[in-house]
Amino acid sequence: MKSASLRRALFLRNLVFGVEDGLVSTVGLLSGIAIAGVPRETIFLTGVVLIFVEAFSMAAGSFLSEASVEEMNGGVDDTRGSITAGVVMFTAYFLAGLVPLLPYLKFEVTEAFPVSIACSVFALLVLGYWSGRKTKSAWRKAVRMALVGGLAILVGVFAGSLLT
């Protein structure tokens, strides 16, 4: 049986990783596709497919990696923690992925593009601050999260602009 602090760490790790990856992967892909001049409907469909596939993939990976660690450490074949990790990862990725996607549902591409990026960077700031709130450097962690995520967004924009 895992201690309460280990369960909290597992939850936090999967939550932060899922939200960060859901935001960054989705906004990076959508930005790269949007900069290439693809129609809004195609951008939205691509985002929906990405969110479902990646949320499930990340959840499966989280489940399998947590189960492997449990087995490696000689743990009992109790999959509750691994299942919980997968559910947290799926939910975090899926919900976070909606942040950069929803502007493409409401606005035309030229307006949705900057709104999607701005909302995603803001969400990264909030996530960084929230995850570092028990430390003296919460704002530093917030800025670091936004900068690292912002670099990934730039990679998506750069990749999309290569083909235009």
N, C-alpha and C. Protein backbone atom coordinates (compact mmCIF):
# COMPACT_ATOMS: atom_id res chain seq x y z
N MET A 1 0.84 -1.18 0.00
CA MET A 1 0.00 0.00 0.00
C MET A 1 0.89 1.25 0.00
N LYS A 2 0.63 2.15 -0.89
CA LYS A 2 1.42 3.36 -0.98
C LYS A 2 1.03 4.33 0.13
N SER A 3 2.01 5.09 0.57
CA SER A 3 1.73 6.09 1.59
C SER A 3 0.95 7.23 0.96
N ALA A 4 0.33 8.02 1.81
CA ALA A 4 -0.48 9.16 1.33
C ALA A 4 0.39 10.15 0.56
N SER A 5 1.62 10.37 1.00
CA SER A 5 2.49 11.33 0.29
C SER A 5 2.88 10.80 -1.09
N LEU A 6 3.10 9.50 -1.22
CA LEU A 6 3.40 8.93 -2.54
C LEU A 6 2.19 9.01 -3.46
N ARG A 7 1.00 8.79 -2.94
CA ARG A 7 -0.22 8.90 -3.76
C ARG A 7 -0.42 10.34 -4.23
N ARG A 8 -0.16 11.31 -3.34
CA ARG A 8 -0.28 12.72 -3.73
C ARG A 8 0.75 13.07 -4.80
N ALA A 9 1.96 12.58 -4.64
CA ALA A 9 3.01 12.84 -5.64
C ALA A 9 2.64 12.23 -6.99
N LEU A 10 2.11 11.04 -6.98
CA LEU A 10 1.67 10.38 -8.21
C LEU A 10 0.56 11.19 -8.87
N PHE A 11 -0.40 11.64 -8.07
CA PHE A 11 -1.49 12.46 -8.60
C PHE A 11 -0.95 13.76 -9.19
N LEU A 12 -0.10 14.46 -8.43
CA LEU A 12 0.45 15.73 -8.89
C LEU A 12 1.28 15.55 -10.16
N ARG A 13 2.12 14.53 -10.21
CA ARG A 13 2.96 14.28 -11.38
C ARG A 13 2.09 14.09 -12.63
N ASN A 14 1.07 13.26 -12.53
CA ASN A 14 0.21 13.00 -13.68
C ASN A 14 -0.65 14.19 -14.04
N LEU A 15 -1.09 14.94 -13.04
CA LEU A 15 -1.90 16.13 -13.31
C LEU A 15 -1.08 17.20 -14.03
N VAL A 16 0.08 17.53 -13.49
CA VAL A 16 0.91 18.58 -14.10
C VAL A 16 1.38 18.15 -15.48
N PHE A 17 1.85 16.93 -15.61
CA PHE A 17 2.31 16.44 -16.90
C PHE A 17 1.18 16.43 -17.92
N GLY A 18 0.00 15.96 -17.51
CA GLY A 18 -1.13 15.90 -18.43
C GLY A 18 -1.60 17.27 -18.88
N VAL A 19 -1.69 18.22 -17.95
CA VAL A 19 -2.12 19.57 -18.32
C VAL A 19 -1.08 20.23 -19.20
N GLU A 20 0.18 20.16 -18.81
CA GLU A 20 1.24 20.80 -19.60
C GLU A 20 1.28 20.22 -21.01
N ASP A 21 1.25 18.91 -21.12
CA ASP A 21 1.34 18.29 -22.44
C ASP A 21 0.07 18.53 -23.25
N GLY A 22 -1.08 18.51 -22.60
CA GLY A 22 -2.33 18.81 -23.30
C GLY A 22 -2.35 20.21 -23.88
N LEU A 23 -1.84 21.16 -23.12
CA LEU A 23 -1.77 22.54 -23.61
C LEU A 23 -0.74 22.68 -24.72
N VAL A 24 0.47 22.26 -24.45
CA VAL A 24 1.59 22.52 -25.36
C VAL A 24 1.47 21.72 -26.66
N SER A 25 1.17 20.44 -26.57
CA SER A 25 1.04 19.63 -27.78
C SER A 25 -0.09 20.14 -28.66
N THR A 26 -1.21 20.44 -28.04
CA THR A 26 -2.37 20.87 -28.81
C THR A 26 -2.15 22.23 -29.44
N VAL A 27 -1.69 23.21 -28.66
CA VAL A 27 -1.49 24.54 -29.23
C VAL A 27 -0.35 24.53 -30.25
N GLY A 28 0.67 23.72 -30.03
CA GLY A 28 1.76 23.63 -30.99
C GLY A 28 1.28 23.08 -32.32
N LEU A 29 0.52 21.99 -32.27
CA LEU A 29 0.00 21.42 -33.50
C LEU A 29 -0.98 22.36 -34.19
N LEU A 30 -1.93 22.88 -33.44
CA LEU A 30 -2.93 23.76 -34.04
C LEU A 30 -2.30 25.02 -34.62
N SER A 31 -1.31 25.57 -33.94
CA SER A 31 -0.63 26.76 -34.45
C SER A 31 0.12 26.46 -35.74
N GLY A 32 0.79 25.32 -35.76
CA GLY A 32 1.51 24.94 -36.96
C GLY A 32 0.59 24.72 -38.14
N ILE A 33 -0.56 24.15 -37.89
CA ILE A 33 -1.52 23.92 -38.97
C ILE A 33 -2.18 25.24 -39.38
N ALA A 34 -2.50 26.07 -38.39
CA ALA A 34 -3.15 27.35 -38.69
C ALA A 34 -2.24 28.25 -39.51
N ILE A 35 -0.96 28.28 -39.19
CA ILE A 35 -0.03 29.15 -39.91
C ILE A 35 0.14 28.70 -41.36
N ALA A 36 -0.16 27.44 -41.62
CA ALA A 36 -0.06 26.90 -42.98
C ALA A 36 -1.28 27.26 -43.83
N GLY A 37 -2.27 27.93 -43.24
CA GLY A 37 -3.42 28.40 -44.00
C GLY A 37 -4.52 27.37 -44.21
N VAL A 38 -4.60 26.40 -43.35
CA VAL A 38 -5.62 25.35 -43.44
C VAL A 38 -6.97 25.92 -42.97
N PRO A 39 -8.07 25.47 -43.56
CA PRO A 39 -9.39 25.97 -43.12
C PRO A 39 -9.68 25.66 -41.65
N ARG A 40 -10.49 26.50 -41.03
CA ARG A 40 -10.84 26.39 -39.62
C ARG A 40 -11.42 25.02 -39.28
N GLU A 41 -12.27 24.50 -40.12
CA GLU A 41 -12.90 23.19 -39.85
C GLU A 41 -11.85 22.08 -39.76
N THR A 42 -10.85 22.15 -40.63
CA THR A 42 -9.78 21.16 -40.63
C THR A 42 -8.93 21.29 -39.37
N ILE A 43 -8.66 22.52 -38.97
CA ILE A 43 -7.90 22.76 -37.74
C ILE A 43 -8.66 22.18 -36.55
N PHE A 44 -9.95 22.45 -36.49
CA PHE A 44 -10.76 21.97 -35.36
C PHE A 44 -10.81 20.44 -35.34
N LEU A 45 -11.06 19.83 -36.50
CA LEU A 45 -11.10 18.36 -36.57
C LEU A 45 -9.77 17.76 -36.15
N THR A 46 -8.68 18.34 -36.63
CA THR A 46 -7.35 17.86 -36.27
C THR A 46 -7.15 17.94 -34.76
N GLY A 47 -7.58 19.05 -34.17
CA GLY A 47 -7.45 19.21 -32.72
C GLY A 47 -8.26 18.20 -31.94
N VAL A 48 -9.47 17.93 -32.38
CA VAL A 48 -10.33 16.96 -31.68
C VAL A 48 -9.69 15.57 -31.75
N VAL A 49 -9.23 15.18 -32.93
CA VAL A 49 -8.58 13.87 -33.07
C VAL A 49 -7.33 13.80 -32.19
N LEU A 50 -6.52 14.84 -32.24
CA LEU A 50 -5.30 14.87 -31.42
C LEU A 50 -5.63 14.71 -29.94
N ILE A 51 -6.59 15.46 -29.46
CA ILE A 51 -6.91 15.42 -28.03
C ILE A 51 -7.36 14.03 -27.60
N PHE A 52 -8.25 13.41 -28.37
CA PHE A 52 -8.71 12.07 -28.01
C PHE A 52 -7.59 11.04 -28.06
N VAL A 53 -6.84 11.05 -29.16
CA VAL A 53 -5.78 10.05 -29.32
C VAL A 53 -4.68 10.25 -28.28
N GLU A 54 -4.23 11.47 -28.11
CA GLU A 54 -3.13 11.72 -27.17
C GLU A 54 -3.56 11.55 -25.72
N ALA A 55 -4.78 11.95 -25.38
CA ALA A 55 -5.24 11.75 -24.00
C ALA A 55 -5.26 10.26 -23.67
N PHE A 56 -5.76 9.45 -24.60
CA PHE A 56 -5.77 8.01 -24.37
C PHE A 56 -4.36 7.43 -24.35
N SER A 57 -3.52 7.87 -25.29
CA SER A 57 -2.15 7.39 -25.34
C SER A 57 -1.38 7.74 -24.07
N MET A 58 -1.52 8.98 -23.63
CA MET A 58 -0.83 9.40 -22.41
C MET A 58 -1.35 8.63 -21.19
N ALA A 59 -2.66 8.38 -21.14
CA ALA A 59 -3.23 7.61 -20.04
C ALA A 59 -2.70 6.18 -20.05
N ALA A 60 -2.64 5.59 -21.23
CA ALA A 60 -2.11 4.22 -21.33
C ALA A 60 -0.65 4.18 -20.90
N GLY A 61 0.12 5.15 -21.36
CA GLY A 61 1.52 5.21 -20.97
C GLY A 61 1.71 5.40 -19.48
N SER A 62 0.88 6.24 -18.90
CA SER A 62 0.96 6.46 -17.46
C SER A 62 0.59 5.19 -16.69
N PHE A 63 -0.47 4.54 -17.12
CA PHE A 63 -0.88 3.28 -16.49
C PHE A 63 0.23 2.25 -16.57
N LEU A 64 0.78 2.06 -17.77
CA LEU A 64 1.80 1.03 -17.96
C LEU A 64 3.09 1.34 -17.21
N SER A 65 3.50 2.62 -17.21
CA SER A 65 4.74 2.96 -16.51
C SER A 65 4.57 2.83 -15.00
N GLU A 66 3.44 3.26 -14.47
CA GLU A 66 3.21 3.11 -13.02
C GLU A 66 3.13 1.65 -12.62
N ALA A 67 2.48 0.83 -13.45
CA ALA A 67 2.40 -0.61 -13.16
C ALA A 67 3.79 -1.24 -13.21
N SER A 68 4.62 -0.81 -14.15
CA SER A 68 5.99 -1.34 -14.25
C SER A 68 6.81 -0.99 -13.03
N VAL A 69 6.70 0.25 -12.57
CA VAL A 69 7.43 0.68 -11.37
C VAL A 69 6.97 -0.13 -10.17
N GLU A 70 5.67 -0.30 -10.05
CA GLU A 70 5.10 -1.09 -8.94
C GLU A 70 5.65 -2.51 -8.96
N GLU A 71 5.66 -3.13 -10.13
CA GLU A 71 6.17 -4.50 -10.26
C GLU A 71 7.67 -4.56 -9.98
N MET A 72 8.42 -3.58 -10.48
CA MET A 72 9.86 -3.55 -10.28
C MET A 72 10.21 -3.43 -8.79
N ASN A 73 9.40 -2.69 -8.07
CA ASN A 73 9.65 -2.50 -6.65
C ASN A 73 9.08 -3.64 -5.81
N GLY A 74 8.64 -4.71 -6.48
CA GLY A 74 8.15 -5.88 -5.76
C GLY A 74 6.77 -5.67 -5.15
N GLY A 75 6.03 -4.72 -5.68
CA GLY A 75 4.71 -4.44 -5.16
C GLY A 75 3.71 -5.52 -5.50
N VAL A 76 2.66 -5.53 -4.74
CA VAL A 76 1.58 -6.48 -4.96
C VAL A 76 0.90 -6.09 -6.28
N ASP A 77 0.27 -7.04 -6.91
CA ASP A 77 -0.41 -6.77 -8.19
C ASP A 77 -1.70 -6.01 -7.92
N ASP A 78 -1.56 -4.77 -7.46
CA ASP A 78 -2.69 -3.89 -7.16
C ASP A 78 -2.66 -2.77 -8.19
N THR A 79 -3.58 -2.81 -9.10
CA THR A 79 -3.56 -1.85 -10.21
C THR A 79 -4.35 -0.58 -9.92
N ARG A 80 -4.89 -0.43 -8.72
CA ARG A 80 -5.68 0.78 -8.43
C ARG A 80 -4.89 2.06 -8.63
N GLY A 81 -3.65 2.09 -8.16
CA GLY A 81 -2.82 3.29 -8.32
C GLY A 81 -2.49 3.55 -9.78
N SER A 82 -2.23 2.49 -10.53
CA SER A 82 -1.94 2.64 -11.95
C SER A 82 -3.15 3.11 -12.72
N ILE A 83 -4.31 2.59 -12.37
CA ILE A 83 -5.56 3.02 -13.02
C ILE A 83 -5.84 4.48 -12.69
N THR A 84 -5.66 4.84 -11.44
CA THR A 84 -5.87 6.23 -11.04
C THR A 84 -4.93 7.16 -11.80
N ALA A 85 -3.67 6.77 -11.93
CA ALA A 85 -2.70 7.58 -12.67
C ALA A 85 -3.17 7.76 -14.11
N GLY A 86 -3.65 6.71 -14.74
CA GLY A 86 -4.13 6.79 -16.11
C GLY A 86 -5.35 7.69 -16.24
N VAL A 87 -6.27 7.57 -15.30
CA VAL A 87 -7.48 8.41 -15.34
C VAL A 87 -7.12 9.88 -15.14
N VAL A 88 -6.23 10.17 -14.21
CA VAL A 88 -5.80 11.55 -13.98
C VAL A 88 -5.12 12.09 -15.23
N MET A 89 -4.25 11.30 -15.84
CA MET A 89 -3.56 11.74 -17.04
C MET A 89 -4.54 12.01 -18.17
N PHE A 90 -5.47 11.09 -18.42
CA PHE A 90 -6.45 11.26 -19.49
C PHE A 90 -7.26 12.54 -19.27
N THR A 91 -7.79 12.70 -18.09
CA THR A 91 -8.64 13.86 -17.78
C THR A 91 -7.87 15.16 -17.90
N ALA A 92 -6.65 15.18 -17.35
CA ALA A 92 -5.84 16.40 -17.40
C ALA A 92 -5.50 16.77 -18.84
N TYR A 93 -5.06 15.81 -19.63
CA TYR A 93 -4.69 16.09 -21.02
C TYR A 93 -5.93 16.54 -21.80
N PHE A 94 -7.01 15.81 -21.67
CA PHE A 94 -8.23 16.10 -22.43
C PHE A 94 -8.75 17.50 -22.13
N LEU A 95 -8.90 17.83 -20.85
CA LEU A 95 -9.44 19.14 -20.49
C LEU A 95 -8.49 20.27 -20.87
N ALA A 96 -7.21 20.07 -20.66
CA ALA A 96 -6.23 21.11 -21.02
C ALA A 96 -6.18 21.30 -22.53
N GLY A 97 -6.34 20.24 -23.29
CA GLY A 97 -6.31 20.34 -24.74
C GLY A 97 -7.44 21.19 -25.29
N LEU A 98 -8.54 21.31 -24.53
CA LEU A 98 -9.66 22.13 -24.97
C LEU A 98 -9.32 23.62 -24.95
N VAL A 99 -8.40 24.01 -24.09
CA VAL A 99 -8.05 25.44 -23.96
C VAL A 99 -7.57 26.02 -25.30
N PRO A 100 -6.58 25.41 -25.96
CA PRO A 100 -6.16 25.97 -27.25
C PRO A 100 -7.11 25.64 -28.40
N LEU A 101 -7.96 24.65 -28.22
CA LEU A 101 -8.85 24.25 -29.31
C LEU A 101 -10.10 25.11 -29.42
N LEU A 102 -10.70 25.46 -28.31
CA LEU A 102 -11.99 26.15 -28.32
C LEU A 102 -11.99 27.49 -29.07
N PRO A 103 -10.91 28.28 -29.06
CA PRO A 103 -10.94 29.51 -29.87
C PRO A 103 -11.21 29.25 -31.36
N TYR A 104 -10.80 28.08 -31.85
CA TYR A 104 -11.04 27.76 -33.26
C TYR A 104 -12.50 27.40 -33.53
N LEU A 105 -13.24 27.12 -32.49
CA LEU A 105 -14.67 26.87 -32.63
C LEU A 105 -15.43 28.19 -32.67
N LYS A 106 -14.94 29.18 -31.95
CA LYS A 106 -15.64 30.46 -31.81
C LYS A 106 -15.20 31.51 -32.83
N PHE A 107 -13.92 31.56 -33.16
CA PHE A 107 -13.38 32.63 -34.00
C PHE A 107 -12.86 32.09 -35.33
N GLU A 108 -12.72 32.98 -36.27
CA GLU A 108 -12.04 32.64 -37.52
C GLU A 108 -10.55 32.43 -37.20
N VAL A 109 -9.85 31.78 -38.10
CA VAL A 109 -8.46 31.38 -37.85
C VAL A 109 -7.58 32.57 -37.49
N THR A 110 -7.74 33.70 -38.17
CA THR A 110 -6.87 34.85 -37.91
C THR A 110 -7.04 35.38 -36.49
N GLU A 111 -8.25 35.28 -35.93
CA GLU A 111 -8.46 35.69 -34.54
C GLU A 111 -8.15 34.55 -33.57
N ALA A 112 -8.52 33.32 -33.95
CA ALA A 112 -8.34 32.18 -33.06
C ALA A 112 -6.87 31.88 -32.78
N PHE A 113 -6.03 32.08 -33.79
CA PHE A 113 -4.60 31.77 -33.67
C PHE A 113 -3.97 32.48 -32.47
N PRO A 114 -4.04 33.83 -32.38
CA PRO A 114 -3.41 34.48 -31.22
C PRO A 114 -4.16 34.22 -29.91
N VAL A 115 -5.49 34.07 -29.98
CA VAL A 115 -6.27 33.80 -28.76
C VAL A 115 -5.88 32.44 -28.20
N SER A 116 -5.75 31.44 -29.07
CA SER A 116 -5.37 30.10 -28.65
C SER A 116 -4.00 30.10 -27.97
N ILE A 117 -3.05 30.80 -28.58
CA ILE A 117 -1.71 30.88 -28.00
C ILE A 117 -1.74 31.62 -26.67
N ALA A 118 -2.42 32.76 -26.62
CA ALA A 118 -2.47 33.56 -25.39
C ALA A 118 -3.13 32.78 -24.25
N CYS A 119 -4.24 32.12 -24.54
CA CYS A 119 -4.92 31.33 -23.51
C CYS A 119 -4.04 30.19 -23.01
N SER A 120 -3.32 29.57 -23.92
CA SER A 120 -2.45 28.46 -23.55
C SER A 120 -1.27 28.92 -22.69
N VAL A 121 -0.64 30.02 -23.08
CA VAL A 121 0.48 30.55 -22.29
C VAL A 121 -0.01 30.99 -20.91
N PHE A 122 -1.17 31.63 -20.86
CA PHE A 122 -1.74 32.02 -19.57
C PHE A 122 -2.01 30.79 -18.71
N ALA A 123 -2.59 29.75 -19.31
CA ALA A 123 -2.86 28.51 -18.56
C ALA A 123 -1.56 27.88 -18.07
N LEU A 124 -0.50 27.96 -18.87
CA LEU A 124 0.80 27.46 -18.43
C LEU A 124 1.33 28.25 -17.24
N LEU A 125 1.15 29.57 -17.28
CA LEU A 125 1.55 30.40 -16.13
C LEU A 125 0.80 29.98 -14.87
N VAL A 126 -0.50 29.80 -15.00
CA VAL A 126 -1.32 29.39 -13.86
C VAL A 126 -0.88 28.02 -13.35
N LEU A 127 -0.66 27.09 -14.27
CA LEU A 127 -0.21 25.75 -13.87
C LEU A 127 1.13 25.81 -13.16
N GLY A 128 2.07 26.58 -13.71
CA GLY A 128 3.38 26.70 -13.08
C GLY A 128 3.29 27.31 -11.69
N TYR A 129 2.46 28.34 -11.55
CA TYR A 129 2.29 28.96 -10.24
C TYR A 129 1.63 27.99 -9.27
N TRP A 130 0.58 27.33 -9.74
CA TRP A 130 -0.15 26.39 -8.88
C TRP A 130 0.76 25.24 -8.43
N SER A 131 1.54 24.69 -9.36
CA SER A 131 2.39 23.56 -8.99
C SER A 131 3.55 23.98 -8.09
N GLY A 132 3.91 25.25 -8.11
CA GLY A 132 5.00 25.73 -7.26
C GLY A 132 4.54 26.54 -6.07
N ARG A 133 3.26 26.53 -5.79
CA ARG A 133 2.69 27.41 -4.75
C ARG A 133 3.20 27.12 -3.34
N LYS A 134 3.69 25.93 -3.09
CA LYS A 134 4.19 25.63 -1.75
C LYS A 134 5.68 25.93 -1.61
N THR A 135 6.24 26.55 -2.63
CA THR A 135 7.65 26.93 -2.58
C THR A 135 7.75 28.45 -2.57
N LYS A 136 8.93 28.94 -2.33
CA LYS A 136 9.14 30.38 -2.33
C LYS A 136 9.30 30.92 -3.74
N SER A 137 9.35 30.01 -4.71
CA SER A 137 9.62 30.45 -6.09
C SER A 137 8.46 30.13 -7.03
N ALA A 138 7.24 30.31 -6.57
CA ALA A 138 6.08 29.97 -7.40
C ALA A 138 6.05 30.79 -8.69
N TRP A 139 6.38 32.07 -8.60
CA TRP A 139 6.37 32.90 -9.81
C TRP A 139 7.48 32.51 -10.77
N ARG A 140 8.62 32.13 -10.25
CA ARG A 140 9.71 31.66 -11.11
C ARG A 140 9.29 30.39 -11.83
N LYS A 141 8.62 29.51 -11.14
CA LYS A 141 8.14 28.28 -11.76
C LYS A 141 7.05 28.58 -12.78
N ALA A 142 6.24 29.57 -12.52
CA ALA A 142 5.20 29.96 -13.46
C ALA A 142 5.82 30.48 -14.76
N VAL A 143 6.80 31.34 -14.62
CA VAL A 143 7.46 31.91 -15.80
C VAL A 143 8.22 30.81 -16.56
N ARG A 144 8.89 29.94 -15.83
CA ARG A 144 9.61 28.83 -16.48
C ARG A 144 8.65 27.95 -17.28
N MET A 145 7.51 27.62 -16.70
CA MET A 145 6.52 26.79 -17.38
C MET A 145 6.04 27.48 -18.65
N ALA A 146 5.76 28.78 -18.57
CA ALA A 146 5.27 29.52 -19.74
C ALA A 146 6.36 29.64 -20.81
N LEU A 147 7.60 29.84 -20.41
CA LEU A 147 8.69 29.96 -21.38
C LEU A 147 8.97 28.65 -22.09
N VAL A 148 9.03 27.58 -21.35
CA VAL A 148 9.30 26.27 -21.95
C VAL A 148 8.13 25.89 -22.87
N GLY A 149 6.91 26.09 -22.40
CA GLY A 149 5.75 25.82 -23.25
C GLY A 149 5.71 26.73 -24.46
N GLY A 150 6.09 28.00 -24.27
CA GLY A 150 6.13 28.95 -25.39
C GLY A 150 7.12 28.53 -26.46
N LEU A 151 8.24 27.96 -26.05
CA LEU A 151 9.22 27.45 -27.03
C LEU A 151 8.62 26.32 -27.87
N ALA A 152 7.87 25.46 -27.22
CA ALA A 152 7.22 24.37 -27.96
C ALA A 152 6.18 24.91 -28.94
N ILE A 153 5.50 25.96 -28.56
CA ILE A 153 4.54 26.60 -29.47
C ILE A 153 5.27 27.17 -30.67
N LEU A 154 6.40 27.81 -30.43
CA LEU A 154 7.21 28.34 -31.53
C LEU A 154 7.67 27.24 -32.48
N VAL A 155 7.98 26.07 -31.96
CA VAL A 155 8.37 24.94 -32.80
C VAL A 155 7.22 24.57 -33.73
N GLY A 156 5.99 24.54 -33.20
CA GLY A 156 4.83 24.24 -34.03
C GLY A 156 4.61 25.28 -35.11
N VAL A 157 4.74 26.54 -34.75
CA VAL A 157 4.57 27.62 -35.74
C VAL A 157 5.66 27.54 -36.80
N PHE A 158 6.90 27.30 -36.37
CA PHE A 158 8.02 27.19 -37.30
C PHE A 158 7.81 26.01 -38.27
N ALA A 159 7.41 24.86 -37.72
CA ALA A 159 7.19 23.68 -38.57
C ALA A 159 6.09 23.95 -39.58
N GLY A 160 5.01 24.58 -39.14
CA GLY A 160 3.92 24.90 -40.06
C GLY A 160 4.32 25.91 -41.12
N SER A 161 5.15 26.85 -40.75
CA SER A 161 5.56 27.87 -41.71
C SER A 161 6.58 27.34 -42.73
N LEU A 162 7.23 26.21 -42.44
CA LEU A 162 8.16 25.63 -43.39
C LEU A 162 7.46 25.17 -44.66
N LEU A 163 6.23 24.80 -44.53
CA LEU A 163 5.50 24.23 -45.68
C LEU A 163 4.62 25.25 -46.40
N THR A 164 4.65 26.49 -45.96
CA THR A 164 3.81 27.50 -46.61
C THR A 164 4.59 28.31 -47.60
